[in-house]
Protein backbone atom coordinates (compact mmCIF):
# COMPACT_ATOMS: atom_id res chain seq x y z
CA MET A 1 142.87 83.60 103.90
CA HIS A 2 139.64 83.87 106.35
CA HIS A 3 137.93 87.45 106.45
CA THR A 4 135.40 87.75 109.03
CA LEU A 5 132.60 90.35 107.81
CA LYS A 6 131.51 92.78 110.53
CA PRO A 7 128.06 92.54 111.07
CA GLN A 8 126.17 95.13 108.98
CA VAL A 9 123.42 97.30 110.62
CA TRP A 10 121.61 100.16 109.39
CA GLN A 11 122.75 103.79 110.15
CA PRO A 12 120.99 106.52 110.88
CA HIS A 13 121.44 109.55 108.24
CA PRO A 14 123.71 111.90 109.07
CA THR A 15 121.46 115.11 110.10
CA SER A 16 124.50 117.41 110.94
CA PRO A 17 124.00 120.85 109.87
CA GLY A 18 124.18 120.96 106.13
CA HIS A 19 121.87 118.07 105.61
CA THR A 20 118.33 118.48 104.47
CA VAL A 21 116.89 114.63 105.96
CA VAL A 22 113.69 115.15 107.98
CA GLY A 23 112.16 112.00 109.21
CA GLU A 24 113.49 108.96 109.59
CA VAL A 25 115.92 107.80 106.92
CA LEU A 26 118.77 105.00 107.73
CA VAL A 27 121.69 103.97 105.63
CA TYR A 28 122.99 100.33 104.76
CA GLU A 29 126.79 101.13 103.74
CA ASP A 30 128.61 99.28 100.95
CA LEU A 31 125.95 96.83 100.02
CA HIS A 32 127.67 94.63 97.46
CA SER A 33 126.19 93.28 94.27
CA PRO A 34 127.56 90.18 92.72
CA GLN A 35 125.21 90.97 89.79
CA LEU A 36 127.78 94.35 88.68
CA GLY A 37 130.69 93.49 91.15
CA ASN A 38 130.18 97.03 92.49
CA LYS A 39 128.92 98.07 95.76
CA ARG A 40 126.66 101.23 97.01
CA ASP A 41 125.52 102.28 100.17
CA ILE A 42 121.11 102.13 100.60
CA LEU A 43 119.11 104.46 101.94
CA VAL A 44 115.77 103.60 103.59
CA TYR A 45 112.60 106.15 104.52
CA LEU A 46 110.17 104.83 107.01
CA PRO A 47 107.11 106.15 107.60
CA PRO A 48 106.32 108.03 110.95
CA SER A 49 103.65 105.20 111.78
CA TYR A 50 106.59 102.57 111.61
CA ARG A 51 107.96 102.82 115.10
CA LYS A 52 104.28 103.11 116.95
CA SER A 53 102.70 99.86 115.20
CA ASN A 54 103.35 96.60 114.14
CA ARG A 55 101.92 97.37 110.41
CA ARG A 56 103.51 95.71 107.25
CA TYR A 57 103.84 98.82 104.50
CA PRO A 58 103.96 98.99 100.66
CA VAL A 59 107.52 100.01 99.50
CA LEU A 60 108.42 102.35 96.91
CA TYR A 61 111.92 101.39 95.17
CA MET A 62 113.80 104.97 93.89
CA HIS A 63 116.96 105.39 91.52
CA ASP A 64 119.16 108.18 92.10
CA GLY A 65 119.39 107.76 95.32
CA GLN A 66 121.64 110.33 96.36
CA ASN A 67 119.30 112.85 94.86
CA LEU A 68 116.11 112.10 97.21
CA PHE A 69 116.31 113.09 101.12
CA ASP A 70 119.41 115.29 100.99
CA GLN A 71 120.86 118.48 99.63
CA ALA A 72 124.32 117.44 100.80
CA THR A 73 124.46 114.17 99.21
CA SER A 74 122.34 115.81 95.55
CA TYR A 75 123.94 116.37 92.38
CA VAL A 76 121.62 119.78 91.60
CA GLY A 77 118.69 119.34 94.44
CA GLU A 78 116.92 117.04 96.22
CA TRP A 79 113.52 115.48 95.27
CA GLN A 80 112.62 116.39 99.17
CA VAL A 81 110.76 112.75 99.14
CA ASP A 82 111.17 112.75 102.82
CA GLU A 83 109.62 116.04 103.16
CA SER A 84 106.42 114.94 101.03
CA MET A 85 106.30 111.62 102.49
CA GLU A 86 105.89 113.52 106.11
CA GLN A 87 102.88 115.21 104.58
CA LEU A 88 101.24 112.45 102.52
CA ALA A 89 101.49 110.63 105.59
CA GLN A 90 99.14 113.34 107.33
CA GLU A 91 96.62 112.07 104.65
CA GLY A 92 97.00 108.71 105.83
CA LEU A 93 99.26 107.75 102.95
CA GLU A 94 102.30 105.73 104.15
CA VAL A 95 105.10 104.06 102.02
CA ILE A 96 108.81 102.94 102.92
CA VAL A 97 111.09 104.72 100.65
CA VAL A 98 114.40 102.82 99.57
CA GLY A 99 116.65 104.98 97.57
CA ILE A 100 119.51 103.34 95.54
CA PRO A 101 122.23 105.69 94.21
CA ASN A 102 123.64 105.59 91.27
CA GLN A 103 127.06 104.84 90.32
CA GLY A 104 128.62 107.90 88.73
CA ALA A 105 130.00 107.35 85.74
CA GLU A 106 128.35 103.94 85.65
CA ARG A 107 125.03 105.63 85.82
CA LEU A 108 124.08 105.59 81.86
CA ASN A 109 125.22 101.83 81.96
CA GLU A 110 123.18 100.69 84.54
CA TYR A 111 120.14 102.41 83.76
CA SER A 112 119.34 100.95 80.35
CA PRO A 113 119.59 97.33 79.11
CA PHE A 114 120.25 98.35 75.57
CA PRO A 115 123.16 99.81 74.49
CA ASP A 116 123.47 103.47 72.93
CA PRO A 117 126.42 103.94 70.41
CA ARG A 118 127.16 107.23 72.03
CA HIS A 119 126.03 107.33 75.79
CA GLY A 120 126.77 103.68 76.66
CA GLY A 121 124.41 101.74 78.57
CA GLY A 122 123.62 97.38 78.30
CA LYS A 123 123.97 96.72 81.83
CA GLY A 124 120.20 97.37 82.55
CA ALA A 125 119.14 93.87 82.80
CA ARG A 126 122.07 93.13 85.68
CA TYR A 127 121.08 96.17 87.43
CA LEU A 128 118.02 95.11 87.51
CA ARG A 129 118.53 91.53 89.15
CA PHE A 130 120.57 93.49 91.33
CA LEU A 131 117.43 95.37 92.68
CA VAL A 132 115.07 91.90 92.50
CA GLU A 133 118.28 89.52 94.20
CA THR A 134 119.82 91.25 96.20
CA VAL A 135 117.93 94.88 97.52
CA LYS A 136 114.23 93.82 97.70
CA PRO A 137 115.74 90.70 99.64
CA LEU A 138 117.70 92.86 102.48
CA ILE A 139 114.46 95.53 102.45
CA ASP A 140 112.04 92.10 103.12
CA ARG A 141 114.39 90.95 105.66
CA SER A 142 115.01 94.07 107.75
CA PHE A 143 111.96 96.08 107.47
CA ARG A 144 108.25 95.04 107.94
CA THR A 145 107.04 95.34 103.82
CA ARG A 146 104.40 94.23 102.34
CA PRO A 147 106.52 92.09 99.69
CA GLU A 148 104.01 91.22 97.34
CA ARG A 149 104.28 92.79 93.69
CA GLU A 150 101.03 94.90 94.32
CA HIS A 151 102.22 96.70 97.18
CA THR A 152 105.81 96.85 95.23
CA GLY A 153 106.76 100.11 92.95
CA ILE A 154 109.99 101.02 91.40
CA ALA A 155 110.42 104.79 89.94
CA GLY A 156 112.85 107.42 88.81
CA SER A 157 113.34 110.05 86.27
CA SER A 158 115.03 110.55 83.05
CA MET A 159 117.35 107.53 82.67
CA GLY A 160 115.84 106.63 86.12
CA GLY A 161 112.12 106.96 84.63
CA PHE A 162 113.70 104.60 81.60
CA ILE A 163 114.59 101.67 83.55
CA SER A 164 111.98 101.81 85.81
CA LEU A 165 109.25 101.04 82.74
CA CYS A 166 111.78 98.38 81.93
CA ALA A 167 111.58 96.78 85.32
CA TYR A 168 107.85 96.61 85.24
CA TYR A 169 107.88 94.76 82.07
CA LEU A 170 111.04 92.69 82.91
CA HIS A 171 110.10 91.69 86.03
CA PRO A 172 106.17 91.39 86.48
CA GLN A 173 106.29 89.08 88.97
CA VAL A 174 107.92 91.90 91.33
CA PHE A 175 106.74 95.04 90.50
CA GLY A 176 103.43 96.05 90.61
CA LYS A 177 103.35 99.66 90.34
CA VAL A 178 105.29 102.20 88.08
CA GLY A 179 106.35 105.77 87.96
CA THR A 180 108.56 107.12 85.08
CA VAL A 181 109.08 110.62 85.46
CA SER A 182 110.35 112.88 82.78
CA PRO A 183 111.64 109.46 81.09
CA ALA A 184 114.62 109.71 78.60
CA PHE A 185 113.13 107.40 75.97
CA TRP A 186 115.44 109.08 73.54
CA PHE A 187 118.38 106.71 75.02
CA ALA A 188 119.53 103.88 72.48
CA ASP A 189 117.78 105.41 69.17
CA GLY A 190 114.26 104.05 70.44
CA ALA A 191 114.80 100.76 71.37
CA ILE A 192 112.52 100.70 74.55
CA TYR A 193 109.27 100.86 71.98
CA PRO A 194 109.54 97.25 70.51
CA PHE A 195 110.91 96.11 73.94
CA VAL A 196 107.52 97.54 75.36
CA ALA A 197 105.47 96.69 72.66
CA GLN A 198 106.32 93.27 72.66
CA ALA A 199 106.13 92.59 76.51
CA LEU A 200 103.74 90.94 78.08
CA GLN A 201 100.91 92.97 79.56
CA VAL A 202 100.32 92.50 82.99
CA PRO A 203 97.83 94.29 85.37
CA GLY A 204 99.11 97.41 87.86
CA ARG A 205 99.14 101.23 88.00
CA LEU A 206 101.55 103.37 85.94
CA TYR A 207 102.22 106.64 86.33
CA MET A 208 104.34 108.71 83.42
CA ASP A 209 104.97 112.40 83.54
CA VAL A 210 106.80 114.80 80.95
CA GLY A 211 107.81 118.39 80.98
CA ARG A 212 107.07 120.70 77.96
CA CYS A 213 110.68 122.64 78.71
CA GLU A 214 112.91 119.32 79.10
CA LEU A 215 116.28 120.67 77.22
CA THR A 216 118.90 118.38 78.97
CA LEU A 217 121.97 118.00 78.86
CA SER A 218 122.84 115.37 75.94
CA GLN A 219 121.41 118.20 73.33
CA ILE A 220 118.10 116.47 73.17
CA SER A 221 115.81 119.11 72.14
CA SER A 222 112.56 119.92 74.61
CA GLN A 223 110.30 118.81 71.25
CA ARG A 224 112.41 115.78 70.96
CA TYR A 225 112.07 114.76 74.68
CA LEU A 226 107.94 115.49 75.07
CA GLU A 227 107.64 113.83 71.33
CA GLY A 228 109.04 110.75 72.39
CA VAL A 229 107.32 110.69 75.88
CA ARG A 230 103.63 110.96 74.11
CA ARG A 231 104.96 108.14 71.66
CA MET A 232 105.58 105.78 74.41
CA HIS A 233 101.94 107.09 75.89
CA ARG A 234 100.33 106.00 72.34
CA LEU A 235 102.03 102.64 72.72
CA LEU A 236 100.66 101.97 76.63
CA LEU A 237 97.12 102.85 75.56
CA GLN A 238 97.56 100.38 72.97
CA LYS A 239 98.87 98.09 75.35
CA GLY A 240 95.29 98.36 77.18
CA TRP A 241 96.39 101.21 79.86
CA GLN A 242 93.31 103.02 81.04
CA PRO A 243 93.76 106.90 82.07
CA GLY A 244 92.02 107.53 85.13
CA LEU A 245 91.86 103.43 85.91
CA ASN A 246 95.21 102.36 86.30
CA TYR A 247 97.36 104.93 84.68
CA LEU A 248 97.82 108.43 84.94
CA TYR A 249 99.65 110.55 81.82
CA LEU A 250 100.48 114.31 83.01
CA GLU A 251 102.55 117.23 80.67
CA ASP A 252 103.54 119.65 83.04
CA ALA A 253 103.69 123.09 80.98
CA GLN A 254 106.23 124.41 83.00
CA GLY A 255 108.19 121.32 83.52
CA ALA A 256 111.81 121.44 83.43
CA HIS A 257 114.34 118.33 83.38
CA HIS A 258 115.03 119.26 87.57
CA GLU A 259 114.61 117.64 90.92
CA ALA A 260 112.70 120.80 91.50
CA HIS A 261 109.98 120.09 89.00
CA TRP A 262 110.11 116.44 90.11
CA ALA A 263 109.62 117.04 93.38
CA ARG A 264 106.69 119.36 92.70
CA ARG A 265 104.72 116.50 90.96
CA PHE A 266 106.42 113.50 93.32
CA PRO A 267 102.98 113.58 95.79
CA ALA A 268 100.89 113.06 92.81
CA MET A 269 102.25 110.37 91.75
CA MET A 270 102.45 109.14 94.91
CA ARG A 271 98.96 109.42 95.64
CA PHE A 272 97.85 107.87 92.22
CA LEU A 273 100.35 104.59 92.73
CA PHE A 274 99.42 103.94 96.17
CA GLY A 275 96.57 106.37 97.73
């Protein structure tokens, strides 16, 4: 039986009452992932000058896409990426931001290449292939991007921060910038440390932060969380990352494990990675 697929188009994100999107955010519905055998919407924020110019723009890919732009779709609040990017545009910093929503119950499976005996994981390499082989080509076809690695970043928080650092080292030919926010390095019994230690070091830009009050749902103490990130910080220094040059590391004394705190730190991350 032959199915004719309706031609897919980018739709404007809903802006009806209850939605908090500002600027231009578009939605591509039900993008199929051959790598994972599932589908999800893809969200794209376009900079203010996009429609008025023929410029090409750097791109940031972000996980947990439903929490980036809209209070109505978020889990416990949004990152206000759209509001921050509108503000940053006034400084001349304009970037296309692509949000890849998580798959709910599949989130931990997709956000770690390494299995954790208690929490799942193990599909992370396939998820990253979905981004590299399916999502990025779609974005580069649909919009005026700067597709080279030095203009392509990946970022997220918690397990999204975890998988972002994995992405940088698994696909160094694709991603030249990484933002790892409140990363959950405790996951899978520290499997990420030997992985990073052995990975080929490639030039780029790296932002990493952690709050000192991270207390998470997974019963990981703030202290253990902080120690895990500090351990990675030491490892990254050993690998040759240079603070102030190509690496920014921040500890937020008030920082808790919450979108509101990530929203507060987001502009600093963007200025460092893309400014």
